[in-house]
């Protein structure tokens, strides 16, 4: 006579079901987590603190220099915002500066993303002699302050007769040690070795593997690296200020640095120029921010 034994799965056992019933609805599988009043209060405080510098810049740009010098300073908008923005736009020639900065930041970001992805793939998935030593050298370059390379780099640019030309800003920023390290760490988890081996078994060459396997897998990280590089290049001041002039081929930061000069600097014009220089970055993030965050979450799930 056969004996039939029924085993209740752990997830459907009475004890497990009872424990699950005691949990709040938001903590069960498929439930939606909701923040409490304290979480909302903390998020509101952090949001206000984060937005305060931008709001204060707009308030200062809407006032005049005399009002900004008073104590206490103004904490609400004045009537001179559009007037100061127009003066700053004309005095700093920000139209040409925006075009120059877009060219520099776009070329630098695109080149860094492509080269960093290829190099990161090589360090993460390829086996070759000296790989670890070379990676340590790449990481070591991140420890060197960029100010130390200003003098030899300027001498090199001067010998090439590139001063006051955009290539003097573009070429030194075409590679990034951080970008290589960032893409290497991402591809170690997001790109399984089995996928690469399957592509090689199908007869794919190394460059075809990079184009059809590596680039699609690294797309979320490439978007993040591209955004970070674009913002960093857009906000770069020291090196463009040394090799460019306000009257030649200025970038946004160099052009804004020439505003409000005189015996008494006009702080309202400086703030107006700073606000104009920040608006394109806010616009870019407003358009592509959702796609970038979604790409990060997609890459995290795949990894």
C-alpha atoms as a PDB file:
ATOM      1  CA  UNK A   1       0.000   0.000   0.000  1.00  0.00           C
ATOM      2  CA  UNK A   2       1.485   3.314  -1.058  1.00  0.00           C
ATOM      3  CA  UNK A   3       1.740   6.031   1.519  1.00  0.00           C
ATOM      4  CA  UNK A   4       1.197   9.542   0.242  1.00  0.00           C
ATOM      5  CA  UNK A   5       2.809  12.389   2.177  1.00  0.00           C
ATOM      6  CA  UNK A   6       1.822  15.933   1.534  1.00  0.00           C
ATOM      7  CA  UNK A   7       4.522  18.513   2.149  1.00  0.00           C
ATOM      8  CA  UNK A   8       3.409  22.087   2.450  1.00  0.00           C
ATOM      9  CA  UNK A   9       5.847  24.506   0.771  1.00  0.00           C
ATOM     10  CA  UNK A  10       7.495  26.902   3.219  1.00  0.00           C
ATOM     11  CA  UNK A  11       6.065  29.931   1.524  1.00  0.00           C
ATOM     12  CA  UNK A  12       2.488  28.576   1.843  1.00  0.00           C
ATOM     13  CA  UNK A  13       2.796  26.980   5.266  1.00  0.00           C
ATOM     14  CA  UNK A  14       0.359  28.171   7.951  1.00  0.00           C
ATOM     15  CA  UNK A  15       3.186  29.621  10.079  1.00  0.00           C
ATOM     16  CA  UNK A  16       4.569  31.641   7.180  1.00  0.00           C
ATOM     17  CA  UNK A  17       1.115  32.824   6.156  1.00  0.00           C
ATOM     18  CA  UNK A  18       0.416  33.921   9.742  1.00  0.00           C
ATOM     19  CA  UNK A  19       3.681  35.856   9.945  1.00  0.00           C
ATOM     20  CA  UNK A  20       2.969  37.492   6.596  1.00  0.00           C
ATOM     21  CA  UNK A  21      -0.492  38.523   7.700  1.00  0.00           C
ATOM     22  CA  UNK A  22       1.030  40.324  10.677  1.00  0.00           C
ATOM     23  CA  UNK A  23       3.207  42.481   8.410  1.00  0.00           C
ATOM     24  CA  UNK A  24       1.911  45.846   7.209  1.00  0.00           C
ATOM     25  CA  UNK A  25       0.423  45.845   3.740  1.00  0.00           C
ATOM     26  CA  UNK A  26       3.264  48.019   2.376  1.00  0.00           C
ATOM     27  CA  UNK A  27       5.881  45.488   3.527  1.00  0.00           C
ATOM     28  CA  UNK A  28       4.311  42.491   1.766  1.00  0.00           C
ATOM     29  CA  UNK A  29       5.380  41.306  -1.659  1.00  0.00           C
ATOM     30  CA  UNK A  30       4.083  43.634  -4.311  1.00  0.00           C
ATOM     31  CA  UNK A  31       3.144  46.333  -1.802  1.00  0.00           C
ATOM     32  CA  UNK A  32       4.065  49.986  -2.209  1.00  0.00           C
ATOM     33  CA  UNK A  33       6.251  51.599   0.434  1.00  0.00           C
ATOM     34  CA  UNK A  34       5.038  54.955   1.687  1.00  0.00           C
ATOM     35  CA  UNK A  35       7.161  57.422   3.628  1.00  0.00           C
ATOM     36  CA  UNK A  36       5.966  58.816   6.906  1.00  0.00           C
ATOM     37  CA  UNK A  37       5.798  62.467   7.978  1.00  0.00           C
ATOM     38  CA  UNK A  38       9.408  62.440   9.222  1.00  0.00           C
ATOM     39  CA  UNK A  39      10.710  61.148   5.884  1.00  0.00           C
ATOM     40  CA  UNK A  40       8.791  63.838   3.991  1.00  0.00           C
ATOM     41  CA  UNK A  41      10.044  66.532   6.377  1.00  0.00           C
ATOM     42  CA  UNK A  42      13.662  65.441   5.891  1.00  0.00           C
ATOM     43  CA  UNK A  43      13.266  65.365   2.091  1.00  0.00           C
ATOM     44  CA  UNK A  44      11.716  68.841   2.084  1.00  0.00           C
ATOM     45  CA  UNK A  45      14.571  70.244   4.171  1.00  0.00           C
ATOM     46  CA  UNK A  46      17.208  68.697   1.921  1.00  0.00           C
ATOM     47  CA  UNK A  47      15.410  69.981  -1.176  1.00  0.00           C
ATOM     48  CA  UNK A  48      15.269  73.522   0.176  1.00  0.00           C
ATOM     49  CA  UNK A  49      18.938  73.455   1.166  1.00  0.00           C
ATOM     50  CA  UNK A  50      19.903  72.110  -2.262  1.00  0.00           C
ATOM     51  CA  UNK A  51      17.873  74.713  -4.162  1.00  0.00           C
ATOM     52  CA  UNK A  52      18.828  77.686  -1.980  1.00  0.00           C
ATOM     53  CA  UNK A  53      22.051  78.618  -3.883  1.00  0.00           C
ATOM     54  CA  UNK A  54      20.152  78.687  -7.184  1.00  0.00           C
ATOM     55  CA  UNK A  55      17.258  80.654  -5.697  1.00  0.00           C
ATOM     56  CA  UNK A  56      19.642  83.148  -4.079  1.00  0.00           C
ATOM     57  CA  UNK A  57      21.460  83.593  -7.401  1.00  0.00           C
ATOM     58  CA  UNK A  58      18.156  84.455  -9.083  1.00  0.00           C
ATOM     59  CA  UNK A  59      17.212  86.856  -6.260  1.00  0.00           C
ATOM     60  CA  UNK A  60      20.598  88.612  -6.427  1.00  0.00           C
ATOM     61  CA  UNK A  61      20.326  88.849 -10.225  1.00  0.00           C
ATOM     62  CA  UNK A  62      16.979  90.621  -9.872  1.00  0.00           C
ATOM     63  CA  UNK A  63      18.340  93.373  -7.614  1.00  0.00           C
ATOM     64  CA  UNK A  64      20.824  96.207  -8.045  1.00  0.00           C
ATOM     65  CA  UNK A  65      24.313  96.422  -6.605  1.00  0.00           C
ATOM     66  CA  UNK A  66      23.331  98.945  -3.929  1.00  0.00           C
ATOM     67  CA  UNK A  67      20.541  96.769  -2.542  1.00  0.00           C
ATOM     68  CA  UNK A  68      22.808  93.729  -2.393  1.00  0.00           C
ATOM     69  CA  UNK A  69      25.296  95.673  -0.265  1.00  0.00           C
ATOM     70  CA  UNK A  70      22.686  96.463   2.380  1.00  0.00           C
ATOM     71  CA  UNK A  71      22.299  94.505   5.596  1.00  0.00           C
ATOM     72  CA  UNK A  72      20.239  92.370   5.803  1.00  0.00           C
ATOM     73  CA  UNK A  73      20.384  91.287   2.162  1.00  0.00           C
ATOM     74  CA  UNK A  74      17.175  90.847   0.154  1.00  0.00           C
ATOM     75  CA  UNK A  75      15.376  87.528   0.343  1.00  0.00           C
ATOM     76  CA  UNK A  76      12.820  88.084  -2.404  1.00  0.00           C
ATOM     77  CA  UNK A  77      12.905  88.909  -6.085  1.00  0.00           C
ATOM     78  CA  UNK A  78      13.240  92.448  -7.372  1.00  0.00           C
ATOM     79  CA  UNK A  79      12.253  94.123 -10.634  1.00  0.00           C
ATOM     80  CA  UNK A  80      15.629  94.084 -12.435  1.00  0.00           C
ATOM     81  CA  UNK A  81      15.933  90.408 -13.346  1.00  0.00           C
ATOM     82  CA  UNK A  82      15.317  90.585 -17.093  1.00  0.00           C
ATOM     83  CA  UNK A  83      17.196  93.870 -17.394  1.00  0.00           C
ATOM     84  CA  UNK A  84      20.297  92.412 -15.713  1.00  0.00           C
ATOM     85  CA  UNK A  85      20.059  89.237 -17.771  1.00  0.00           C
ATOM     86  CA  UNK A  86      19.968  91.270 -20.981  1.00  0.00           C
ATOM     87  CA  UNK A  87      22.958  93.387 -19.942  1.00  0.00           C
ATOM     88  CA  UNK A  88      24.950  90.323 -18.879  1.00  0.00           C
ATOM     89  CA  UNK A  89      24.129  88.550 -22.153  1.00  0.00           C
ATOM     90  CA  UNK A  90      25.394  91.458 -24.242  1.00  0.00           C
ATOM     91  CA  UNK A  91      28.389  92.491 -22.113  1.00  0.00           C
ATOM     92  CA  UNK A  92      29.773  88.947 -21.797  1.00  0.00           C
ATOM     93  CA  UNK A  93      28.907  87.912 -25.359  1.00  0.00           C
ATOM     94  CA  UNK A  94      27.271  84.809 -23.919  1.00  0.00           C
ATOM     95  CA  UNK A  95      25.817  83.697 -27.247  1.00  0.00           C
ATOM     96  CA  UNK A  96      29.276  82.899 -28.625  1.00  0.00           C
ATOM     97  CA  UNK A  97      30.350  81.568 -25.232  1.00  0.00           C
ATOM     98  CA  UNK A  98      27.414  79.121 -25.147  1.00  0.00           C
ATOM     99  CA  UNK A  99      28.298  77.853 -28.609  1.00  0.00           C
ATOM    100  CA  UNK A 100      31.973  77.415 -27.715  1.00  0.00           C
ATOM    101  CA  UNK A 101      31.196  75.650 -24.452  1.00  0.00           C
ATOM    102  CA  UNK A 102      28.685  73.345 -26.119  1.00  0.00           C
ATOM    103  CA  UNK A 103      31.306  72.335 -28.697  1.00  0.00           C
ATOM    104  CA  UNK A 104      33.987  71.754 -26.047  1.00  0.00           C
ATOM    105  CA  UNK A 105      31.713  69.896 -23.616  1.00  0.00           C
ATOM    106  CA  UNK A 106      30.032  67.835 -26.342  1.00  0.00           C
ATOM    107  CA  UNK A 107      33.277  66.663 -27.951  1.00  0.00           C
ATOM    108  CA  UNK A 108      34.913  65.960 -24.586  1.00  0.00           C
ATOM    109  CA  UNK A 109      31.916  64.059 -23.213  1.00  0.00           C
ATOM    110  CA  UNK A 110      31.420  61.965 -26.354  1.00  0.00           C
ATOM    111  CA  UNK A 111      35.095  61.062 -26.673  1.00  0.00           C
ATOM    112  CA  UNK A 112      35.503  60.252 -22.988  1.00  0.00           C
ATOM    113  CA  UNK A 113      32.420  58.015 -22.991  1.00  0.00           C
ATOM    114  CA  UNK A 114      33.583  55.982 -26.017  1.00  0.00           C
ATOM    115  CA  UNK A 115      37.241  55.655 -24.998  1.00  0.00           C
ATOM    116  CA  UNK A 116      36.423  54.961 -21.342  1.00  0.00           C
ATOM    117  CA  UNK A 117      33.949  52.232 -22.312  1.00  0.00           C
ATOM    118  CA  UNK A 118      36.478  50.497 -24.569  1.00  0.00           C
ATOM    119  CA  UNK A 119      39.278  50.801 -22.007  1.00  0.00           C
ATOM    120  CA  UNK A 120      36.984  49.765 -19.163  1.00  0.00           C
ATOM    121  CA  UNK A 121      35.945  46.670 -21.110  1.00  0.00           C
ATOM    122  CA  UNK A 122      39.603  45.772 -21.706  1.00  0.00           C
ATOM    123  CA  UNK A 123      40.475  46.106 -18.016  1.00  0.00           C
ATOM    124  CA  UNK A 124      37.327  44.282 -16.878  1.00  0.00           C
ATOM    125  CA  UNK A 125      37.059  41.333 -19.278  1.00  0.00           C
ATOM    126  CA  UNK A 126      40.274  40.881 -21.267  1.00  0.00           C
ATOM    127  CA  UNK A 127      43.276  39.011 -19.951  1.00  0.00           C
ATOM    128  CA  UNK A 128      46.676  40.478 -20.792  1.00  0.00           C
ATOM    129  CA  UNK A 129      50.050  40.889 -19.120  1.00  0.00           C
ATOM    130  CA  UNK A 130      50.359  43.877 -16.848  1.00  0.00           C
ATOM    131  CA  UNK A 131      46.636  44.517 -16.623  1.00  0.00           C
ATOM    132  CA  UNK A 132      46.581  45.105 -12.873  1.00  0.00           C
ATOM    133  CA  UNK A 133      49.710  47.278 -12.964  1.00  0.00           C
ATOM    134  CA  UNK A 134      48.280  49.448 -15.719  1.00  0.00           C
ATOM    135  CA  UNK A 135      45.016  49.799 -13.812  1.00  0.00           C
ATOM    136  CA  UNK A 136      46.928  50.936 -10.729  1.00  0.00           C
ATOM    137  CA  UNK A 137      48.715  53.546 -12.846  1.00  0.00           C
ATOM    138  CA  UNK A 138      45.366  54.801 -14.184  1.00  0.00           C
ATOM    139  CA  UNK A 139      43.974  55.057 -10.652  1.00  0.00           C
ATOM    140  CA  UNK A 140      47.197  56.720  -9.493  1.00  0.00           C
ATOM    141  CA  UNK A 141      46.762  59.541 -11.980  1.00  0.00           C
ATOM    142  CA  UNK A 142      43.517  60.424 -10.209  1.00  0.00           C
ATOM    143  CA  UNK A 143      45.544  61.226  -7.073  1.00  0.00           C
ATOM    144  CA  UNK A 144      47.603  63.923  -8.804  1.00  0.00           C
ATOM    145  CA  UNK A 145      46.124  67.430  -8.413  1.00  0.00           C
ATOM    146  CA  UNK A 146      45.331  68.873 -11.860  1.00  0.00           C
ATOM    147  CA  UNK A 147      46.995  72.157 -10.874  1.00  0.00           C
ATOM    148  CA  UNK A 148      50.398  70.463 -11.036  1.00  0.00           C
ATOM    149  CA  UNK A 149      50.067  69.858 -14.773  1.00  0.00           C
ATOM    150  CA  UNK A 150      49.032  73.416 -15.654  1.00  0.00           C
ATOM    151  CA  UNK A 151      52.543  74.792 -16.346  1.00  0.00           C
ATOM    152  CA  UNK A 152      53.857  71.950 -18.580  1.00  0.00           C
ATOM    153  CA  UNK A 153      50.506  71.742 -20.339  1.00  0.00           C
ATOM    154  CA  UNK A 154      50.509  75.469 -21.019  1.00  0.00           C
ATOM    155  CA  UNK A 155      54.058  75.272 -22.395  1.00  0.00           C
ATOM    156  CA  UNK A 156      52.973  72.477 -24.738  1.00  0.00           C
ATOM    157  CA  UNK A 157      49.917  74.430 -25.911  1.00  0.00           C
ATOM    158  CA  UNK A 158      52.037  77.550 -26.488  1.00  0.00           C
ATOM    159  CA  UNK A 159      54.530  75.615 -28.620  1.00  0.00           C
ATOM    160  CA  UNK A 160      51.658  74.275 -30.726  1.00  0.00           C
ATOM    161  CA  UNK A 161      50.363  77.860 -31.105  1.00  0.00           C
ATOM    162  CA  UNK A 162      46.960  76.842 -29.739  1.00  0.00           C
ATOM    163  CA  UNK A 163      46.500  79.653 -27.225  1.00  0.00           C
ATOM    164  CA  UNK A 164      43.103  81.329 -27.451  1.00  0.00           C
ATOM    165  CA  UNK A 165      41.792  78.447 -29.564  1.00  0.00           C
ATOM    166  CA  UNK A 166      39.221  75.844 -28.553  1.00  0.00           C
ATOM    167  CA  UNK A 167      41.481  72.867 -29.268  1.00  0.00           C
ATOM    168  CA  UNK A 168      43.647  73.987 -26.358  1.00  0.00           C
ATOM    169  CA  UNK A 169      40.707  73.151 -24.087  1.00  0.00           C
ATOM    170  CA  UNK A 170      39.407  70.136 -25.996  1.00  0.00           C
ATOM    171  CA  UNK A 171      42.489  67.959 -26.421  1.00  0.00           C
ATOM    172  CA  UNK A 172      43.615  67.828 -22.755  1.00  0.00           C
ATOM    173  CA  UNK A 173      40.132  66.624 -21.778  1.00  0.00           C
ATOM    174  CA  UNK A 174      39.681  63.781 -24.276  1.00  0.00           C
ATOM    175  CA  UNK A 175      40.594  61.045 -21.771  1.00  0.00           C
ATOM    176  CA  UNK A 176      39.516  60.500 -18.185  1.00  0.00           C
ATOM    177  CA  UNK A 177      41.026  58.170 -15.592  1.00  0.00           C
ATOM    178  CA  UNK A 178      37.811  58.334 -13.595  1.00  0.00           C
ATOM    179  CA  UNK A 179      35.823  57.359 -16.689  1.00  0.00           C
ATOM    180  CA  UNK A 180      37.974  54.279 -17.272  1.00  0.00           C
ATOM    181  CA  UNK A 181      37.682  53.219 -13.636  1.00  0.00           C
ATOM    182  CA  UNK A 182      33.931  53.908 -13.590  1.00  0.00           C
ATOM    183  CA  UNK A 183      33.222  51.845 -16.721  1.00  0.00           C
ATOM    184  CA  UNK A 184      35.484  49.018 -15.556  1.00  0.00           C
ATOM    185  CA  UNK A 185      33.618  48.684 -12.274  1.00  0.00           C
ATOM    186  CA  UNK A 186      30.267  48.746 -14.061  1.00  0.00           C
ATOM    187  CA  UNK A 187      31.169  46.185 -16.734  1.00  0.00           C
ATOM    188  CA  UNK A 188      32.566  43.758 -14.167  1.00  0.00           C
ATOM    189  CA  UNK A 189      29.013  43.186 -12.922  1.00  0.00           C
ATOM    190  CA  UNK A 190      26.755  44.171 -15.804  1.00  0.00           C
ATOM    191  CA  UNK A 191      28.456  42.158 -18.569  1.00  0.00           C
ATOM    192  CA  UNK A 192      28.602  38.376 -17.957  1.00  0.00           C
ATOM    193  CA  UNK A 193      31.548  36.488 -19.403  1.00  0.00           C
ATOM    194  CA  UNK A 194      29.153  33.971 -20.966  1.00  0.00           C
ATOM    195  CA  UNK A 195      27.702  36.642 -23.255  1.00  0.00           C
ATOM    196  CA  UNK A 196      31.155  37.538 -24.573  1.00  0.00           C
ATOM    197  CA  UNK A 197      32.065  33.889 -25.080  1.00  0.00           C
ATOM    198  CA  UNK A 198      28.817  33.265 -26.957  1.00  0.00           C
ATOM    199  CA  UNK A 199      29.567  36.182 -29.284  1.00  0.00           C
ATOM    200  CA  UNK A 200      33.070  34.861 -29.955  1.00  0.00           C
ATOM    201  CA  UNK A 201      31.708  31.386 -30.661  1.00  0.00           C
ATOM    202  CA  UNK A 202      29.423  32.977 -33.269  1.00  0.00           C
ATOM    203  CA  UNK A 203      32.523  34.359 -34.965  1.00  0.00           C
ATOM    204  CA  UNK A 204      32.347  37.971 -33.774  1.00  0.00           C
ATOM    205  CA  UNK A 205      35.592  39.905 -33.839  1.00  0.00           C
ATOM    206  CA  UNK A 206      36.790  42.004 -30.900  1.00  0.00           C
ATOM    207  CA  UNK A 207      35.461  45.250 -32.371  1.00  0.00           C
ATOM    208  CA  UNK A 208      32.140  43.618 -33.215  1.00  0.00           C
ATOM    209  CA  UNK A 209      31.877  42.394 -29.625  1.00  0.00           C
ATOM    210  CA  UNK A 210      32.487  45.940 -28.439  1.00  0.00           C
ATOM    211  CA  UNK A 211      29.881  47.411 -30.800  1.00  0.00           C
ATOM    212  CA  UNK A 212      27.109  44.796 -30.466  1.00  0.00           C
ATOM    213  CA  UNK A 213      27.660  43.528 -26.903  1.00  0.00           C
ATOM    214  CA  UNK A 214      29.638  45.970 -24.777  1.00  0.00           C
ATOM    215  CA  UNK A 215      28.022  49.234 -25.868  1.00  0.00           C
ATOM    216  CA  UNK A 216      24.400  48.009 -25.400  1.00  0.00           C
ATOM    217  CA  UNK A 217      25.221  46.537 -21.991  1.00  0.00           C
ATOM    218  CA  UNK A 218      27.047  49.690 -20.867  1.00  0.00           C
ATOM    219  CA  UNK A 219      24.437  52.149 -22.136  1.00  0.00           C
ATOM    220  CA  UNK A 220      23.117  53.178 -18.669  1.00  0.00           C
ATOM    221  CA  UNK A 221      26.626  53.821 -17.321  1.00  0.00           C
ATOM    222  CA  UNK A 222      27.620  55.605 -20.536  1.00  0.00           C
ATOM    223  CA  UNK A 223      24.664  57.977 -20.116  1.00  0.00           C
ATOM    224  CA  UNK A 224      25.663  58.759 -16.535  1.00  0.00           C
ATOM    225  CA  UNK A 225      29.330  59.253 -17.438  1.00  0.00           C
ATOM    226  CA  UNK A 226      28.364  61.454 -20.368  1.00  0.00           C
ATOM    227  CA  UNK A 227      26.185  63.657 -18.168  1.00  0.00           C
ATOM    228  CA  UNK A 228      28.854  63.979 -15.455  1.00  0.00           C
ATOM    229  CA  UNK A 229      31.558  64.781 -18.001  1.00  0.00           C
ATOM    230  CA  UNK A 230      29.399  67.333 -19.812  1.00  0.00           C
ATOM    231  CA  UNK A 231      28.595  69.141 -16.551  1.00  0.00           C
ATOM    232  CA  UNK A 232      32.211  69.068 -15.382  1.00  0.00           C
ATOM    233  CA  UNK A 233      33.508  70.413 -18.691  1.00  0.00           C
ATOM    234  CA  UNK A 234      30.797  73.077 -18.838  1.00  0.00           C
ATOM    235  CA  UNK A 235      31.759  74.306 -15.348  1.00  0.00           C
ATOM    236  CA  UNK A 236      35.530  74.094 -15.840  1.00  0.00           C
ATOM    237  CA  UNK A 237      37.168  77.453 -15.177  1.00  0.00           C
ATOM    238  CA  UNK A 238      40.902  77.334 -14.388  1.00  0.00           C
ATOM    239  CA  UNK A 239      42.335  75.865 -17.588  1.00  0.00           C
ATOM    240  CA  UNK A 240      40.002  77.712 -20.027  1.00  0.00           C
ATOM    241  CA  UNK A 241      40.718  80.943 -18.133  1.00  0.00           C
ATOM    242  CA  UNK A 242      44.470  80.452 -18.684  1.00  0.00           C
ATOM    243  CA  UNK A 243      44.419  79.628 -22.400  1.00  0.00           C
ATOM    244  CA  UNK A 244      41.376  81.597 -23.609  1.00  0.00           C
ATOM    245  CA  UNK A 245      40.394  85.260 -23.427  1.00  0.00           C
ATOM    246  CA  UNK A 246      37.082  87.026 -23.017  1.00  0.00           C
ATOM    247  CA  UNK A 247      37.404  88.667 -26.456  1.00  0.00           C
ATOM    248  CA  UNK A 248      38.685  85.653 -28.418  1.00  0.00           C
ATOM    249  CA  UNK A 249      36.981  82.274 -28.003  1.00  0.00           C
ATOM    250  CA  UNK A 250      35.602  82.356 -24.467  1.00  0.00           C
ATOM    251  CA  UNK A 251      33.727  79.592 -22.734  1.00  0.00           C
ATOM    252  CA  UNK A 252      30.803  80.417 -20.468  1.00  0.00           C
ATOM    253  CA  UNK A 253      32.846  80.510 -17.268  1.00  0.00           C
ATOM    254  CA  UNK A 254      35.548  82.682 -18.840  1.00  0.00           C
ATOM    255  CA  UNK A 255      32.946  85.075 -20.232  1.00  0.00           C
ATOM    256  CA  UNK A 256      31.131  85.339 -16.897  1.00  0.00           C
ATOM    257  CA  UNK A 257      34.447  86.058 -15.146  1.00  0.00           C
ATOM    258  CA  UNK A 258      34.699  89.285 -17.157  1.00  0.00           C
ATOM    259  CA  UNK A 259      31.377  90.648 -15.902  1.00  0.00           C
ATOM    260  CA  UNK A 260      31.034  93.384 -13.315  1.00  0.00           C
ATOM    261  CA  UNK A 261      34.641  94.535 -13.468  1.00  0.00           C
ATOM    262  CA  UNK A 262      35.493  97.976 -12.167  1.00  0.00           C
ATOM    263  CA  UNK A 263      36.364  99.795  -8.992  1.00  0.00           C
ATOM    264  CA  UNK A 264      33.132  98.464  -7.473  1.00  0.00           C
ATOM    265  CA  UNK A 265      32.178  95.118  -9.050  1.00  0.00           C
ATOM    266  CA  UNK A 266      28.518  94.891  -9.998  1.00  0.00           C
ATOM    267  CA  UNK A 267      27.479  91.752  -8.127  1.00  0.00           C
ATOM    268  CA  UNK A 268      23.996  91.755  -9.660  1.00  0.00           C
ATOM    269  CA  UNK A 269      25.456  91.426 -13.180  1.00  0.00           C
ATOM    270  CA  UNK A 270      27.825  88.689 -12.024  1.00  0.00           C
ATOM    271  CA  UNK A 271      24.893  86.784 -10.544  1.00  0.00           C
ATOM    272  CA  UNK A 272      22.883  87.318 -13.723  1.00  0.00           C
ATOM    273  CA  UNK A 273      25.722  85.850 -15.790  1.00  0.00           C
ATOM    274  CA  UNK A 274      26.053  82.918 -13.388  1.00  0.00           C
ATOM    275  CA  UNK A 275      22.313  82.274 -13.657  1.00  0.00           C
ATOM    276  CA  UNK A 276      22.449  82.307 -17.456  1.00  0.00           C
ATOM    277  CA  UNK A 277      25.399  79.914 -17.376  1.00  0.00           C
ATOM    278  CA  UNK A 278      23.468  77.494 -15.162  1.00  0.00           C
ATOM    279  CA  UNK A 279      20.189  77.422 -17.083  1.00  0.00           C
ATOM    280  CA  UNK A 280      21.409  75.181 -19.970  1.00  0.00           C
ATOM    281  CA  UNK A 281      22.527  72.516 -17.492  1.00  0.00           C
ATOM    282  CA  UNK A 282      19.157  72.605 -15.770  1.00  0.00           C
ATOM    283  CA  UNK A 283      17.436  72.291 -19.145  1.00  0.00           C
ATOM    284  CA  UNK A 284      19.580  69.302 -20.151  1.00  0.00           C
ATOM    285  CA  UNK A 285      18.901  67.536 -16.875  1.00  0.00           C
ATOM    286  CA  UNK A 286      15.180  68.290 -17.077  1.00  0.00           C
ATOM    287  CA  UNK A 287      15.048  66.684 -20.539  1.00  0.00           C
ATOM    288  CA  UNK A 288      17.341  63.683 -20.017  1.00  0.00           C
ATOM    289  CA  UNK A 289      17.294  63.202 -16.245  1.00  0.00           C
ATOM    290  CA  UNK A 290      14.417  60.721 -16.261  1.00  0.00           C
ATOM    291  CA  UNK A 291      16.045  58.613 -18.980  1.00  0.00           C
ATOM    292  CA  UNK A 292      19.356  58.586 -17.116  1.00  0.00           C
ATOM    293  CA  UNK A 293      17.794  57.557 -13.798  1.00  0.00           C
ATOM    294  CA  UNK A 294      15.739  54.903 -15.581  1.00  0.00           C
ATOM    295  CA  UNK A 295      18.887  53.626 -17.281  1.00  0.00           C
ATOM    296  CA  UNK A 296      20.677  53.360 -13.945  1.00  0.00           C
ATOM    297  CA  UNK A 297      17.825  51.335 -12.451  1.00  0.00           C
ATOM    298  CA  UNK A 298      17.688  49.113 -15.543  1.00  0.00           C
ATOM    299  CA  UNK A 299      21.417  48.461 -15.337  1.00  0.00           C
ATOM    300  CA  UNK A 300      21.174  47.709 -11.627  1.00  0.00           C
ATOM    301  CA  UNK A 301      18.447  45.099 -12.227  1.00  0.00           C
ATOM    302  CA  UNK A 302      20.462  43.466 -15.005  1.00  0.00           C
ATOM    303  CA  UNK A 303      23.620  43.498 -12.916  1.00  0.00           C
END
